[in-house]
Every structure is written in structure tokens, then in C-alpha cells.
Amino acid sequence: MLGIAFASTPVLLAKLLCLIATIGFVLKKANILQWLAPRAIQIAFLAVTIAILQSWISTGKPPFQTIYETLIFGTWCMLLVYILFSYMYNIVFLAPVVGLASLSILLYAVTNPDTEVMQLSAALRSPWFIPHVVTYFIAYGLLTLGMLASVYSLISKDTQRQDSSRVLSFSATHIGFCFLTLGLITGAIWGKYAWGDYWNWDPKENWALITWLAYLVVIHSYYMKAWRQKRFAWLSIAAFALVVFTYMGVNSLPTADQSVHTYKQSEYKG
């Protein structure tokens, strides 16, 4: 349990900061909390960064091996994406939503502390391992932000915030789709390097392709005037459900045991 010993303190701090940011969502009229929420997100990002670096240094391997590690890295990507977009758009109002989402992911990660140091399989020692994982999780961070903005646009009664949320949702989703495409490409190259084929048509790859096609539809729907508002938001949310299934749900399919992305207990389960 070496990884969790090193990462527990910064992760705990990140959860506390995300909780503070979330409180700003509950107490909407508390100006101090509204001011504090985006800053709590920024400090939480630094805390998660420290957790990732500590795990990497202590284990001597990139911390993208277990469910726990990928959930932590996924949170890092989402926080990074929010911070970058906050400099381009006036999205302070989304800080509590991002805080709640990050807190939920971190709490789930703690319930899956599969942090034992394990030997990477030969396939995962490929030089394409890190580029593939990083591009995909940046895509996930962007698509998560796009989904959260879509949800906010549906529930908010503030017209200005609705419009800002829709623009943010499209921008994050569009860039996320580009990274999703890059993830598919690096994955295909990795597959050729590791297994001799660019595509094996196993469940993980099939659902990754289905997710990519779904977001292709989402992107194009924005250019249809009648679909630009609520319909685009609902499509964005539905497509994100496919992201979650591709990441977490595919391994529960009966055919998952035959997947080249499923490894022995002593190895990575991707």
C-alpha cells in the first residue's frame, strides 16, 4: 500500500478543498464562499498534483496503473481543464459544480484503494502507454467539464449563465473530441506495437469507437440551430454516459475476459 501512504495527505486536503468549493453551491448568497470556491479549486489542483508526483516518485512508475490512480489523475485533468477555461470564460459560477464532481470522484477513489505496487505487463511498458493514457484522460476531463456545463445550462434559471454554460459546453466538448481522436490514434499505434494489430475489435476498443462516434454526433448537432440549446445539452449528457461505461463498465461485460485490455491480477487492468 505504498502509493496510498504517500498520497493520502494531499488527497485528503484536496477532498477538503473540494468540499469547501461545493459549499459555495449550497450557500449561493454567501459572497465569501463564492469568492473562495474557485480558489479552493486551484489549491485542490496543487494538492492532487503533489499526490501524483509523490506516487510517481515513490513507486518509480507512472501512476496510471490502477483504478485508484486513474481516478486521481482523472480528477487532476478535470481541475486543470476548469482552471484553464476559467481564464477564458466567466465561469466562476461553475466552481462549486466542479468541486462537487471532483469530491465525488475522490471519495469513490478512496473506496477503491487498489494501490499495491504491481509489475507492468510487457504491453504496458510500451513508449505509447503514457501518451495514450494522458491524451485520453485530458479528453475525459474536457468532456466532463462539457457535461457539467450542459447540466448547469438545463437547471439554471439565469439566462446569461445558461448562454455561458452552452458556449463552454460546446468549447470543452469540441476540444475534448479532438483529444479523444488523438487517444484513439495513439491507442491504435500502441496496439500495433504491443499486439501486432492496430485494432483488435475487443470490447474496450469497440466502446471507445462507439463513444467517439457519439461525440461526433454531439459536435455536429451544435451546428443545427434547432438543436443548439437543450437538445445539444441532453446529447452531451448521454454521450458522457458512454464515456463512463467505456472507462468503468466494459470490464463487467461477459466478453471482457477475452479483451487484450484485461490483465492478470498482478498486472494493470485497463
C-alpha atoms as a PDB file:
ATOM      1  CA  MET A   1       0.000   0.000   0.000  1.00  0.00           C
ATOM      2  CA  LEU A   2       2.964   2.284  -0.663  1.00  0.00           C
ATOM      3  CA  GLY A   3       1.174   4.554  -3.114  1.00  0.00           C
ATOM      4  CA  ILE A   4      -1.723   5.407  -0.784  1.00  0.00           C
ATOM      5  CA  ALA A   5       0.661   6.070   2.127  1.00  0.00           C
ATOM      6  CA  PHE A   6       2.392   8.778   0.123  1.00  0.00           C
ATOM      7  CA  ALA A   7      -0.739  10.194  -1.494  1.00  0.00           C
ATOM      8  CA  SER A   8      -3.217  10.105   1.385  1.00  0.00           C
ATOM      9  CA  THR A   9      -2.409  13.529   2.907  1.00  0.00           C
ATOM     10  CA  PRO A  10      -2.613  15.616  -0.294  1.00  0.00           C
ATOM     11  CA  VAL A  11      -5.681  13.673  -1.455  1.00  0.00           C
ATOM     12  CA  LEU A  12      -7.345  14.332   1.908  1.00  0.00           C
ATOM     13  CA  LEU A  13      -6.526  18.034   1.536  1.00  0.00           C
ATOM     14  CA  ALA A  14      -7.934  18.031  -1.997  1.00  0.00           C
ATOM     15  CA  LYS A  15     -11.190  16.470  -0.754  1.00  0.00           C
ATOM     16  CA  LEU A  16     -11.484  19.124   1.957  1.00  0.00           C
ATOM     17  CA  LEU A  17     -10.907  21.917  -0.554  1.00  0.00           C
ATOM     18  CA  CYS A  18     -13.428  20.443  -2.992  1.00  0.00           C
ATOM     19  CA  LEU A  19     -15.919  20.251  -0.129  1.00  0.00           C
ATOM     20  CA  ILE A  20     -15.325  23.942   0.588  1.00  0.00           C
ATOM     21  CA  ALA A  21     -15.909  24.721  -3.085  1.00  0.00           C
ATOM     22  CA  THR A  22     -19.109  22.649  -3.027  1.00  0.00           C
ATOM     23  CA  ILE A  23     -20.461  24.543  -0.017  1.00  0.00           C
ATOM     24  CA  GLY A  24     -20.393  27.629  -2.221  1.00  0.00           C
ATOM     25  CA  PHE A  25     -23.027  25.906  -4.360  1.00  0.00           C
ATOM     26  CA  VAL A  26     -25.316  25.368  -1.378  1.00  0.00           C
ATOM     27  CA  LEU A  27     -24.878  28.857   0.084  1.00  0.00           C
ATOM     28  CA  LYS A  28     -25.267  30.833  -3.117  1.00  0.00           C
ATOM     29  CA  LYS A  29     -25.701  34.176  -1.385  1.00  0.00           C
ATOM     30  CA  ALA A  30     -22.571  33.911   0.749  1.00  0.00           C
ATOM     31  CA  ASN A  31     -20.151  36.212  -1.105  1.00  0.00           C
ATOM     32  CA  ILE A  32     -17.100  34.951   0.757  1.00  0.00           C
ATOM     33  CA  LEU A  33     -17.812  31.364  -0.308  1.00  0.00           C
ATOM     34  CA  GLN A  34     -18.460  32.457  -3.887  1.00  0.00           C
ATOM     35  CA  TRP A  35     -15.033  34.104  -3.842  1.00  0.00           C
ATOM     36  CA  LEU A  36     -13.460  31.120  -2.102  1.00  0.00           C
ATOM     37  CA  ALA A  37     -14.816  28.352  -4.353  1.00  0.00           C
ATOM     38  CA  PRO A  38     -12.595  28.935  -7.429  1.00  0.00           C
ATOM     39  CA  ARG A  39      -9.540  29.453  -5.221  1.00  0.00           C
ATOM     40  CA  ALA A  40     -10.264  26.247  -3.357  1.00  0.00           C
ATOM     41  CA  ILE A  41     -10.357  24.501  -6.743  1.00  0.00           C
ATOM     42  CA  GLN A  42      -6.926  25.927  -7.598  1.00  0.00           C
ATOM     43  CA  ILE A  43      -5.372  24.771  -4.330  1.00  0.00           C
ATOM     44  CA  ALA A  44      -7.059  21.370  -4.686  1.00  0.00           C
ATOM     45  CA  PHE A  45      -5.393  21.069  -8.094  1.00  0.00           C
ATOM     46  CA  LEU A  46      -1.995  21.689  -6.483  1.00  0.00           C
ATOM     47  CA  ALA A  47      -2.746  19.087  -3.797  1.00  0.00           C
ATOM     48  CA  VAL A  48      -3.678  16.459  -6.390  1.00  0.00           C
ATOM     49  CA  THR A  49      -0.548  17.344  -8.375  1.00  0.00           C
ATOM     50  CA  ILE A  50       1.553  16.667  -5.279  1.00  0.00           C
ATOM     51  CA  ALA A  51      -0.241  13.340  -4.749  1.00  0.00           C
ATOM     52  CA  ILE A  52       0.525  12.240  -8.318  1.00  0.00           C
ATOM     53  CA  LEU A  53       4.183  13.310  -8.108  1.00  0.00           C
ATOM     54  CA  GLN A  54       4.640  11.602  -4.740  1.00  0.00           C
ATOM     55  CA  SER A  55       3.151   8.371  -6.067  1.00  0.00           C
ATOM     56  CA  TRP A  56       5.285   8.512  -9.218  1.00  0.00           C
ATOM     57  CA  ILE A  57       8.499   9.138  -7.261  1.00  0.00           C
ATOM     58  CA  SER A  58       7.769   6.565  -4.548  1.00  0.00           C
ATOM     59  CA  THR A  59       6.838   3.732  -6.930  1.00  0.00           C
ATOM     60  CA  GLY A  60       9.122   4.626  -9.807  1.00  0.00           C
ATOM     61  CA  LYS A  61       6.316   4.212 -12.353  1.00  0.00           C
ATOM     62  CA  PRO A  62       3.681   6.479 -13.906  1.00  0.00           C
ATOM     63  CA  PRO A  63       0.649   6.485 -11.567  1.00  0.00           C
ATOM     64  CA  PHE A  64      -1.860   5.411 -14.211  1.00  0.00           C
ATOM     65  CA  GLN A  65      -1.883   1.704 -13.346  1.00  0.00           C
ATOM     66  CA  THR A  66      -4.840   1.080 -11.032  1.00  0.00           C
ATOM     67  CA  ILE A  67      -8.413   2.333 -10.779  1.00  0.00           C
ATOM     68  CA  TYR A  68      -7.379   4.467  -7.778  1.00  0.00           C
ATOM     69  CA  GLU A  69      -4.509   6.059  -9.675  1.00  0.00           C
ATOM     70  CA  THR A  70      -6.544   6.757 -12.807  1.00  0.00           C
ATOM     71  CA  LEU A  71      -9.358   8.296 -10.752  1.00  0.00           C
ATOM     72  CA  ILE A  72      -6.842  10.607  -9.072  1.00  0.00           C
ATOM     73  CA  PHE A  73      -5.318  11.500 -12.433  1.00  0.00           C
ATOM     74  CA  GLY A  74      -8.775  11.996 -13.928  1.00  0.00           C
ATOM     75  CA  THR A  75      -9.605  14.444 -11.145  1.00  0.00           C
ATOM     76  CA  TRP A  76      -6.348  16.280 -11.839  1.00  0.00           C
ATOM     77  CA  CYS A  77      -7.272  16.607 -15.518  1.00  0.00           C
ATOM     78  CA  MET A  78     -10.756  17.916 -14.735  1.00  0.00           C
ATOM     79  CA  LEU A  79      -9.441  20.504 -12.270  1.00  0.00           C
ATOM     80  CA  LEU A  80      -6.769  21.587 -14.762  1.00  0.00           C
ATOM     81  CA  VAL A  81      -9.331  21.974 -17.525  1.00  0.00           C
ATOM     82  CA  TYR A  82     -11.611  24.063 -15.300  1.00  0.00           C
ATOM     83  CA  ILE A  83      -8.738  26.345 -14.258  1.00  0.00           C
ATOM     84  CA  LEU A  84      -7.622  26.873 -17.870  1.00  0.00           C
ATOM     85  CA  PHE A  85     -11.147  27.594 -19.076  1.00  0.00           C
ATOM     86  CA  SER A  86     -11.780  29.941 -16.160  1.00  0.00           C
ATOM     87  CA  TYR A  87      -9.202  32.279 -17.674  1.00  0.00           C
ATOM     88  CA  MET A  88     -11.052  32.307 -20.995  1.00  0.00           C
ATOM     89  CA  TYR A  89     -14.655  32.369 -19.796  1.00  0.00           C
ATOM     90  CA  ASN A  90     -16.509  33.870 -16.860  1.00  0.00           C
ATOM     91  CA  ILE A  91     -17.358  30.516 -15.262  1.00  0.00           C
ATOM     92  CA  VAL A  92     -16.836  31.249 -11.569  1.00  0.00           C
ATOM     93  CA  PHE A  93     -20.389  30.024 -11.036  1.00  0.00           C
ATOM     94  CA  LEU A  94     -19.298  26.525 -12.119  1.00  0.00           C
ATOM     95  CA  ALA A  95     -16.597  26.203  -9.443  1.00  0.00           C
ATOM     96  CA  PRO A  96     -18.957  24.607  -6.870  1.00  0.00           C
ATOM     97  CA  VAL A  97     -20.221  22.150  -9.511  1.00  0.00           C
ATOM     98  CA  VAL A  98     -16.665  21.168 -10.423  1.00  0.00           C
ATOM     99  CA  GLY A  99     -15.877  20.935  -6.715  1.00  0.00           C
ATOM    100  CA  LEU A 100     -18.788  18.555  -6.151  1.00  0.00           C
ATOM    101  CA  ALA A 101     -17.816  16.388  -9.130  1.00  0.00           C
ATOM    102  CA  SER A 102     -14.169  16.260  -8.005  1.00  0.00           C
ATOM    103  CA  LEU A 103     -15.163  15.445  -4.436  1.00  0.00           C
ATOM    104  CA  SER A 104     -17.380  12.600  -5.658  1.00  0.00           C
ATOM    105  CA  ILE A 105     -14.577  11.110  -7.767  1.00  0.00           C
ATOM    106  CA  LEU A 106     -12.037  11.381  -4.940  1.00  0.00           C
ATOM    107  CA  LEU A 107     -14.432   9.763  -2.468  1.00  0.00           C
ATOM    108  CA  TYR A 108     -15.028   6.923  -4.913  1.00  0.00           C
ATOM    109  CA  ALA A 109     -11.276   6.551  -5.397  1.00  0.00           C
ATOM    110  CA  VAL A 110     -10.795   6.113  -1.662  1.00  0.00           C
ATOM    111  CA  THR A 111     -13.282   3.221  -1.741  1.00  0.00           C
ATOM    112  CA  ASN A 112     -11.095   1.543  -4.390  1.00  0.00           C
ATOM    113  CA  PRO A 113      -7.615   1.794  -2.833  1.00  0.00           C
ATOM    114  CA  ASP A 114      -6.005  -0.729  -5.203  1.00  0.00           C
ATOM    115  CA  THR A 115      -2.628   0.934  -4.824  1.00  0.00           C
ATOM    116  CA  GLU A 116      -0.311  -2.047  -4.461  1.00  0.00           C
ATOM    117  CA  VAL A 117       2.889  -1.655  -6.458  1.00  0.00           C
ATOM    118  CA  MET A 118       2.495  -4.139  -9.330  1.00  0.00           C
ATOM    119  CA  GLN A 119       4.737  -5.130 -12.206  1.00  0.00           C
ATOM    120  CA  LEU A 120       3.672  -3.636 -15.511  1.00  0.00           C
ATOM    121  CA  SER A 121       2.981  -6.136 -18.273  1.00  0.00           C
ATOM    122  CA  ALA A 122       5.118  -6.091 -21.413  1.00  0.00           C
ATOM    123  CA  ALA A 123       2.311  -4.335 -23.311  1.00  0.00           C
ATOM    124  CA  LEU A 124       2.185  -1.537 -20.751  1.00  0.00           C
ATOM    125  CA  ARG A 125       5.927  -0.946 -20.930  1.00  0.00           C
ATOM    126  CA  SER A 126       5.369   0.430 -24.421  1.00  0.00           C
ATOM    127  CA  PRO A 127       6.519   4.024 -25.032  1.00  0.00           C
ATOM    128  CA  TRP A 128       2.951   4.711 -26.196  1.00  0.00           C
ATOM    129  CA  PHE A 129       1.481   3.921 -22.762  1.00  0.00           C
ATOM    130  CA  ILE A 130       1.837   7.413 -21.273  1.00  0.00           C
ATOM    131  CA  PRO A 131       0.834   9.399 -24.418  1.00  0.00           C
ATOM    132  CA  HIS A 132      -2.267   7.234 -24.860  1.00  0.00           C
ATOM    133  CA  VAL A 133      -3.401   7.467 -21.237  1.00  0.00           C
ATOM    134  CA  VAL A 134      -2.641  11.184 -20.895  1.00  0.00           C
ATOM    135  CA  THR A 135      -4.483  12.176 -24.082  1.00  0.00           C
ATOM    136  CA  TYR A 136      -7.493  10.081 -23.149  1.00  0.00           C
ATOM    137  CA  PHE A 137      -7.757  11.480 -19.636  1.00  0.00           C
ATOM    138  CA  ILE A 138      -7.359  15.052 -20.828  1.00  0.00           C
ATOM    139  CA  ALA A 139     -10.242  14.241 -23.173  1.00  0.00           C
ATOM    140  CA  TYR A 140     -12.203  12.852 -20.225  1.00  0.00           C
ATOM    141  CA  GLY A 141     -11.509  16.000 -18.211  1.00  0.00           C
ATOM    142  CA  LEU A 142     -12.731  18.210 -21.043  1.00  0.00           C
ATOM    143  CA  LEU A 143     -15.802  16.083 -21.721  1.00  0.00           C
ATOM    144  CA  THR A 144     -16.638  16.031 -18.013  1.00  0.00           C
ATOM    145  CA  LEU A 145     -16.499  19.821 -17.902  1.00  0.00           C
ATOM    146  CA  GLY A 146     -18.665  19.952 -21.027  1.00  0.00           C
ATOM    147  CA  MET A 147     -21.201  17.614 -19.424  1.00  0.00           C
ATOM    148  CA  LEU A 148     -21.285  19.642 -16.195  1.00  0.00           C
ATOM    149  CA  ALA A 149     -21.818  22.840 -18.178  1.00  0.00           C
ATOM    150  CA  SER A 150     -24.660  21.153 -20.079  1.00  0.00           C
ATOM    151  CA  VAL A 151     -26.314  20.082 -16.825  1.00  0.00           C
ATOM    152  CA  TYR A 152     -25.957  23.601 -15.457  1.00  0.00           C
ATOM    153  CA  SER A 153     -27.483  25.093 -18.616  1.00  0.00           C
ATOM    154  CA  LEU A 154     -30.537  22.886 -18.111  1.00  0.00           C
ATOM    155  CA  ILE A 155     -31.095  23.626 -14.422  1.00  0.00           C
ATOM    156  CA  SER A 156     -30.082  27.289 -14.223  1.00  0.00           C
ATOM    157  CA  LYS A 157     -32.777  29.956 -14.362  1.00  0.00           C
ATOM    158  CA  ASP A 158     -30.256  32.698 -15.158  1.00  0.00           C
ATOM    159  CA  THR A 159     -30.365  33.374 -18.911  1.00  0.00           C
ATOM    160  CA  GLN A 160     -26.836  34.780 -19.028  1.00  0.00           C
ATOM    161  CA  ARG A 161     -25.412  31.792 -17.207  1.00  0.00           C
ATOM    162  CA  GLN A 162     -27.363  29.443 -19.441  1.00  0.00           C
ATOM    163  CA  ASP A 163     -25.766  31.017 -22.501  1.00  0.00           C
ATOM    164  CA  SER A 164     -22.292  30.969 -20.949  1.00  0.00           C
ATOM    165  CA  SER A 165     -22.745  27.320 -19.987  1.00  0.00           C
ATOM    166  CA  ARG A 166     -23.781  26.360 -23.511  1.00  0.00           C
ATOM    167  CA  VAL A 167     -20.771  28.091 -25.065  1.00  0.00           C
ATOM    168  CA  LEU A 168     -18.470  26.488 -22.512  1.00  0.00           C
ATOM    169  CA  SER A 169     -20.060  23.079 -23.065  1.00  0.00           C
ATOM    170  CA  PHE A 170     -19.504  23.256 -26.813  1.00  0.00           C
ATOM    171  CA  SER A 171     -15.925  24.543 -26.480  1.00  0.00           C
ATOM    172  CA  ALA A 172     -14.927  21.909 -23.914  1.00  0.00           C
ATOM    173  CA  THR A 173     -16.692  19.143 -25.841  1.00  0.00           C
ATOM    174  CA  HIS A 174     -15.145  20.194 -29.151  1.00  0.00           C
ATOM    175  CA  ILE A 175     -11.594  20.254 -27.763  1.00  0.00           C
ATOM    176  CA  GLY A 176     -12.314  17.076 -25.802  1.00  0.00           C
ATOM    177  CA  PHE A 177     -13.354  15.369 -29.034  1.00  0.00           C
ATOM    178  CA  CYS A 178     -10.003  16.335 -30.584  1.00  0.00           C
ATOM    179  CA  PHE A 179      -8.155  14.720 -27.667  1.00  0.00           C
ATOM    180  CA  LEU A 180     -10.485  11.702 -27.867  1.00  0.00           C
ATOM    181  CA  THR A 181      -9.486  11.332 -31.513  1.00  0.00           C
ATOM    182  CA  LEU A 182      -5.812  11.625 -30.603  1.00  0.00           C
ATOM    183  CA  GLY A 183      -6.367   8.995 -27.911  1.00  0.00           C
ATOM    184  CA  LEU A 184      -7.813   6.588 -30.479  1.00  0.00           C
ATOM    185  CA  ILE A 185      -4.856   7.181 -32.791  1.00  0.00           C
ATOM    186  CA  THR A 186      -2.216   6.683 -30.090  1.00  0.00           C
ATOM    187  CA  GLY A 187      -4.125   3.620 -28.892  1.00  0.00           C
ATOM    188  CA  ALA A 188      -4.057   2.115 -32.383  1.00  0.00           C
ATOM    189  CA  ILE A 189      -0.312   2.717 -32.670  1.00  0.00           C
ATOM    190  CA  TRP A 190       0.170   1.226 -29.199  1.00  0.00           C
ATOM    191  CA  GLY A 191      -1.900  -1.796 -30.250  1.00  0.00           C
ATOM    192  CA  LYS A 192       0.323  -2.348 -33.276  1.00  0.00           C
ATOM    193  CA  TYR A 193       3.421  -2.070 -31.065  1.00  0.00           C
ATOM    194  CA  ALA A 194       2.072  -4.329 -28.298  1.00  0.00           C
ATOM    195  CA  TRP A 195      -0.128  -6.907 -30.072  1.00  0.00           C
ATOM    196  CA  GLY A 196       0.772  -6.662 -33.750  1.00  0.00           C
ATOM    197  CA  ASP A 197      -2.538  -5.118 -34.898  1.00  0.00           C
ATOM    198  CA  TYR A 198      -3.837  -1.565 -34.966  1.00  0.00           C
ATOM    199  CA  TRP A 199      -7.323  -2.761 -33.983  1.00  0.00           C
ATOM    200  CA  ASN A 200      -8.460  -5.994 -32.295  1.00  0.00           C
ATOM    201  CA  TRP A 201     -12.224  -5.337 -32.128  1.00  0.00           C
ATOM    202  CA  ASP A 202     -12.398  -6.226 -28.445  1.00  0.00           C
ATOM    203  CA  PRO A 203     -14.997  -4.680 -26.067  1.00  0.00           C
ATOM    204  CA  LYS A 204     -12.802  -1.806 -24.854  1.00  0.00           C
ATOM    205  CA  GLU A 205     -11.886  -0.745 -28.362  1.00  0.00           C
ATOM    206  CA  ASN A 206     -15.425  -1.173 -29.670  1.00  0.00           C
ATOM    207  CA  TRP A 207     -16.928   1.016 -26.953  1.00  0.00           C
ATOM    208  CA  ALA A 208     -14.171   3.586 -27.361  1.00  0.00           C
ATOM    209  CA  LEU A 209     -15.158   3.802 -31.033  1.00  0.00           C
ATOM    210  CA  ILE A 210     -18.876   3.994 -30.152  1.00  0.00           C
ATOM    211  CA  THR A 211     -18.106   6.852 -27.745  1.00  0.00           C
ATOM    212  CA  TRP A 212     -16.105   8.660 -30.421  1.00  0.00           C
ATOM    213  CA  LEU A 213     -18.977   8.304 -32.923  1.00  0.00           C
ATOM    214  CA  ALA A 214     -21.463   9.551 -30.311  1.00  0.00           C
ATOM    215  CA  TYR A 215     -19.426  12.703 -29.719  1.00  0.00           C
ATOM    216  CA  LEU A 216     -19.133  13.188 -33.472  1.00  0.00           C
ATOM    217  CA  VAL A 217     -22.934  13.412 -33.499  1.00  0.00           C
ATOM    218  CA  VAL A 218     -22.899  15.765 -30.496  1.00  0.00           C
ATOM    219  CA  ILE A 219     -20.424  18.124 -32.186  1.00  0.00           C
ATOM    220  CA  HIS A 220     -22.413  18.249 -35.413  1.00  0.00           C
ATOM    221  CA  SER A 221     -25.719  18.780 -33.593  1.00  0.00           C
ATOM    222  CA  TYR A 222     -24.451  22.137 -32.315  1.00  0.00           C
ATOM    223  CA  TYR A 223     -24.410  23.470 -35.868  1.00  0.00           C
ATOM    224  CA  MET A 224     -28.113  22.715 -36.231  1.00  0.00           C
ATOM    225  CA  LYS A 225     -29.903  25.786 -34.906  1.00  0.00           C
ATOM    226  CA  ALA A 226     -32.867  23.829 -33.578  1.00  0.00           C
ATOM    227  CA  TRP A 227     -30.540  21.513 -31.620  1.00  0.00           C
ATOM    228  CA  ARG A 228     -28.126  24.092 -30.248  1.00  0.00           C
ATOM    229  CA  GLN A 229     -29.696  24.568 -26.853  1.00  0.00           C
ATOM    230  CA  LYS A 230     -31.499  21.910 -24.805  1.00  0.00           C
ATOM    231  CA  ARG A 231     -31.107  19.092 -27.315  1.00  0.00           C
ATOM    232  CA  PHE A 232     -27.347  19.613 -27.502  1.00  0.00           C
ATOM    233  CA  ALA A 233     -27.160  19.577 -23.713  1.00  0.00           C
ATOM    234  CA  TRP A 234     -29.062  16.300 -23.471  1.00  0.00           C
ATOM    235  CA  LEU A 235     -26.939  14.725 -26.202  1.00  0.00           C
ATOM    236  CA  SER A 236     -23.798  15.829 -24.369  1.00  0.00           C
ATOM    237  CA  ILE A 237     -25.010  14.196 -21.155  1.00  0.00           C
ATOM    238  CA  ALA A 238     -25.996  10.984 -22.968  1.00  0.00           C
ATOM    239  CA  ALA A 239     -22.627  10.780 -24.719  1.00  0.00           C
ATOM    240  CA  PHE A 240     -20.835  11.264 -21.414  1.00  0.00           C
ATOM    241  CA  ALA A 241     -22.645   8.207 -20.064  1.00  0.00           C
ATOM    242  CA  LEU A 242     -20.807   6.264 -22.780  1.00  0.00           C
ATOM    243  CA  VAL A 243     -17.506   7.682 -21.513  1.00  0.00           C
ATOM    244  CA  VAL A 244     -18.259   6.336 -18.038  1.00  0.00           C
ATOM    245  CA  PHE A 245     -19.247   2.958 -19.433  1.00  0.00           C
ATOM    246  CA  THR A 246     -16.132   2.722 -21.610  1.00  0.00           C
ATOM    247  CA  TYR A 247     -13.925   3.581 -18.640  1.00  0.00           C
ATOM    248  CA  MET A 248     -15.628   1.573 -15.871  1.00  0.00           C
ATOM    249  CA  GLY A 249     -18.404  -0.587 -17.256  1.00  0.00           C
ATOM    250  CA  VAL A 250     -16.762  -2.518 -20.090  1.00  0.00           C
ATOM    251  CA  ASN A 251     -14.764  -4.702 -17.678  1.00  0.00           C
ATOM    252  CA  SER A 252     -18.045  -6.090 -16.328  1.00  0.00           C
ATOM    253  CA  LEU A 253     -19.149  -7.430 -19.717  1.00  0.00           C
ATOM    254  CA  PRO A 254     -19.095 -11.243 -20.193  1.00  0.00           C
ATOM    255  CA  THR A 255     -16.661 -10.803 -23.093  1.00  0.00           C
ATOM    256  CA  ALA A 256     -14.209  -8.720 -21.064  1.00  0.00           C
ATOM    257  CA  ASP A 257     -12.089 -11.747 -20.160  1.00  0.00           C
ATOM    258  CA  GLN A 258     -11.127 -12.151 -23.810  1.00  0.00           C
ATOM    259  CA  SER A 259     -10.129  -8.498 -24.129  1.00  0.00           C
ATOM    260  CA  VAL A 260      -6.478  -7.656 -24.762  1.00  0.00           C
ATOM    261  CA  HIS A 261      -7.058  -4.771 -22.342  1.00  0.00           C
ATOM    262  CA  THR A 262      -7.697  -7.126 -19.414  1.00  0.00           C
ATOM    263  CA  TYR A 263      -4.679  -8.343 -17.499  1.00  0.00           C
ATOM    264  CA  LYS A 264      -3.879 -10.678 -14.637  1.00  0.00           C
ATOM    265  CA  GLN A 265      -4.363  -9.523 -11.073  1.00  0.00           C
ATOM    266  CA  SER A 266      -0.657  -8.833 -10.764  1.00  0.00           C
ATOM    267  CA  GLU A 267      -0.761  -6.540 -13.737  1.00  0.00           C
ATOM    268  CA  TYR A 268      -2.605  -3.471 -14.926  1.00  0.00           C
ATOM    269  CA  LYS A 269      -6.336  -3.684 -15.657  1.00  0.00           C
ATOM    270  CA  GLY A 270      -7.049  -1.056 -18.281  1.00  0.00           C
END
